[in-house]
Amino acid sequence: MIDQLIFILTFLAALGCGLIAGAFFAFSTFVMRALAQLPPAQGIAAMQSINIVVINPMFMTALFGTGAACLLLAISTLFRWQRPGADYLLAGSLLYIVGTDLLPIRTTNRLPQSVVSTFQSPVAGSGVGGPIGCFCFLLSLIDSFSTK
């Protein structure tokens, strides 16, 4: 029963990591570039609009639901360390939590408040944790299947 729950949670966390990685990828590769091509006043208005629209149940569930799943998986690995893939689960969980939740907060705290209030967005952080976390989760799933 617990193994099935961990598998489902791992699958959902990997899916969430992939979704958030896609959002970070889109945001950093073409949304920010498009905003940079606008006159400053229009770019600021567009970014402020993005900041309002991004706060919706679907995105927030993907962003913070994945974080919650990663936190549960990280805690579960402490009790199941001897299981195959536990090291990947812990690494993926921590990379997601640090890369999407802690690192962006830390970097925006170093910016002047006027810049932060204008450009702060849940997807404007580093985004490193999403793709790497997803990769670690997938390795964990592969590892757990290959040892059965």
Protein backbone atom coordinates (compact mmCIF):
# COMPACT_ATOMS: atom_id res chain seq x y z
CA MET A 1 0.00 0.00 0.00
CA ILE A 2 2.72 2.48 0.97
CA ASP A 3 4.75 1.52 -2.11
CA GLN A 4 1.78 2.32 -4.36
CA LEU A 5 1.23 5.64 -2.62
CA ILE A 6 4.91 6.56 -3.00
CA PHE A 7 4.79 5.56 -6.68
CA ILE A 8 1.70 7.70 -7.34
CA LEU A 9 3.16 10.64 -5.42
CA THR A 10 6.44 10.29 -7.34
CA PHE A 11 4.60 10.16 -10.65
CA LEU A 12 2.55 13.26 -9.78
CA ALA A 13 5.66 15.10 -8.56
CA ALA A 14 7.52 14.25 -11.79
CA LEU A 15 4.55 15.45 -13.82
CA GLY A 16 4.36 18.66 -11.78
CA CYS A 17 8.10 19.23 -12.16
CA GLY A 18 7.75 18.85 -15.91
CA LEU A 19 4.84 21.29 -16.04
CA ILE A 20 6.65 23.90 -13.99
CA ALA A 21 9.86 23.38 -15.97
CA GLY A 22 7.85 24.07 -19.11
CA ALA A 23 6.45 27.26 -17.61
CA PHE A 24 9.96 28.41 -16.62
CA PHE A 25 11.29 27.51 -20.05
CA ALA A 26 8.55 29.44 -21.86
CA PHE A 27 8.87 32.40 -19.54
CA SER A 28 12.63 32.68 -19.84
CA THR A 29 13.02 31.88 -23.55
CA PHE A 30 10.34 33.97 -25.18
CA VAL A 31 8.07 35.82 -22.74
CA MET A 32 10.89 37.83 -21.17
CA ARG A 33 12.43 38.48 -24.59
CA ALA A 34 9.10 39.71 -25.91
CA LEU A 35 8.67 41.97 -22.89
CA ALA A 36 12.16 43.37 -23.42
CA GLN A 37 11.24 44.43 -26.96
CA LEU A 38 8.34 46.56 -25.75
CA PRO A 39 8.77 50.17 -24.67
CA PRO A 40 9.43 50.24 -20.89
CA ALA A 41 5.95 51.46 -19.92
CA GLN A 42 4.26 48.76 -21.99
CA GLY A 43 6.67 46.08 -20.73
CA ILE A 44 5.93 47.01 -17.13
CA ALA A 45 2.17 46.99 -17.78
CA ALA A 46 2.41 43.60 -19.52
CA MET A 47 4.51 42.14 -16.68
CA GLN A 48 2.07 43.44 -14.09
CA SER A 49 -0.76 41.84 -16.04
CA ILE A 50 1.14 38.52 -16.12
CA ASN A 51 1.65 38.77 -12.35
CA ILE A 52 -2.10 39.06 -11.86
CA VAL A 53 -3.15 36.38 -14.36
CA VAL A 54 -0.59 33.81 -13.16
CA ILE A 55 -2.24 33.68 -9.76
CA ASN A 56 -4.92 31.14 -10.61
CA PRO A 57 -5.89 27.78 -9.12
CA MET A 58 -4.42 25.67 -11.92
CA PHE A 59 -0.95 27.22 -11.88
CA MET A 60 -0.75 27.58 -8.12
CA THR A 61 -1.78 23.93 -7.67
CA ALA A 62 0.94 22.83 -10.09
CA LEU A 63 3.58 25.07 -8.47
CA PHE A 64 2.83 24.53 -4.79
CA GLY A 65 1.18 21.10 -5.08
CA THR A 66 4.40 19.83 -6.62
CA GLY A 67 6.31 21.47 -3.77
CA ALA A 68 4.08 19.73 -1.23
CA ALA A 69 4.50 16.38 -3.00
CA CYS A 70 8.27 16.90 -3.03
CA LEU A 71 8.27 17.71 0.67
CA LEU A 72 6.31 14.53 1.45
CA LEU A 73 8.62 12.47 -0.75
CA ALA A 74 11.72 13.97 0.89
CA ILE A 75 10.36 13.08 4.32
CA SER A 76 9.40 9.58 3.17
CA THR A 77 12.94 8.88 1.94
CA LEU A 78 14.25 9.36 5.45
CA PHE A 79 12.17 6.36 6.54
CA ARG A 80 12.76 4.33 3.37
CA TRP A 81 16.42 5.06 2.64
CA GLN A 82 17.23 1.39 2.01
CA ARG A 83 14.74 1.27 -0.91
CA PRO A 84 16.00 1.57 -4.49
CA GLY A 85 15.75 5.10 -5.83
CA ALA A 86 15.47 6.77 -2.43
CA ASP A 87 18.58 8.84 -3.14
CA TYR A 88 17.09 10.11 -6.40
CA LEU A 89 13.79 10.90 -4.71
CA LEU A 90 15.55 12.93 -2.05
CA ALA A 91 17.74 14.74 -4.59
CA GLY A 92 14.83 15.52 -6.91
CA SER A 93 12.63 16.68 -4.06
CA LEU A 94 15.24 18.99 -2.59
CA LEU A 95 16.24 20.38 -5.99
CA TYR A 96 12.65 21.27 -6.77
CA ILE A 97 11.99 22.85 -3.38
CA VAL A 98 15.22 24.86 -3.39
CA GLY A 99 15.17 25.71 -7.10
CA THR A 100 11.57 26.87 -7.35
CA ASP A 101 10.56 27.99 -3.88
CA LEU A 102 13.64 29.12 -1.95
CA LEU A 103 16.08 30.40 -4.60
CA PRO A 104 13.70 32.85 -6.31
CA ILE A 105 12.68 34.34 -2.96
CA ARG A 106 16.32 34.77 -1.98
CA THR A 107 17.28 36.41 -5.29
CA THR A 108 14.31 38.81 -5.34
CA ASN A 109 15.10 39.91 -1.79
CA ARG A 110 18.40 41.36 -3.06
CA LEU A 111 16.75 43.57 -5.66
CA PRO A 112 15.51 47.11 -5.01
CA GLN A 113 11.88 47.02 -3.86
CA SER A 114 10.69 49.03 -6.88
CA VAL A 115 12.09 46.38 -9.23
CA VAL A 116 10.72 43.49 -7.18
CA SER A 117 7.20 44.93 -7.02
CA THR A 118 7.20 45.53 -10.76
CA PHE A 119 8.68 42.29 -11.99
CA GLN A 120 8.15 39.76 -9.22
CA SER A 121 6.29 36.74 -10.44
CA PRO A 122 6.03 33.13 -9.21
CA VAL A 123 7.66 32.00 -12.45
CA ALA A 124 10.34 34.68 -12.58
CA GLY A 125 12.81 32.79 -10.38
CA SER A 126 15.74 30.69 -11.42
CA GLY A 127 13.70 27.67 -12.48
CA VAL A 128 16.66 25.32 -12.04
CA GLY A 129 14.84 22.95 -9.69
CA GLY A 130 11.98 21.98 -12.00
CA PRO A 131 13.86 20.25 -14.82
CA ILE A 132 16.55 18.74 -12.61
CA GLY A 133 13.97 17.58 -10.09
CA CYS A 134 11.91 15.99 -12.86
CA PHE A 135 15.00 14.18 -14.15
CA CYS A 136 15.80 12.82 -10.67
CA PHE A 137 12.22 11.64 -10.19
CA LEU A 138 12.28 9.84 -13.52
CA LEU A 139 15.58 8.21 -12.59
CA SER A 140 13.99 7.11 -9.34
CA LEU A 141 11.04 5.54 -11.15
CA ILE A 142 13.34 3.75 -13.59
CA ASP A 143 15.56 2.56 -10.75
CA SER A 144 12.62 1.23 -8.75
CA PHE A 145 11.27 -0.71 -11.74
CA SER A 146 14.64 -2.13 -12.78
CA THR A 147 15.29 -3.65 -9.34
CA LYS A 148 11.96 -5.50 -9.02
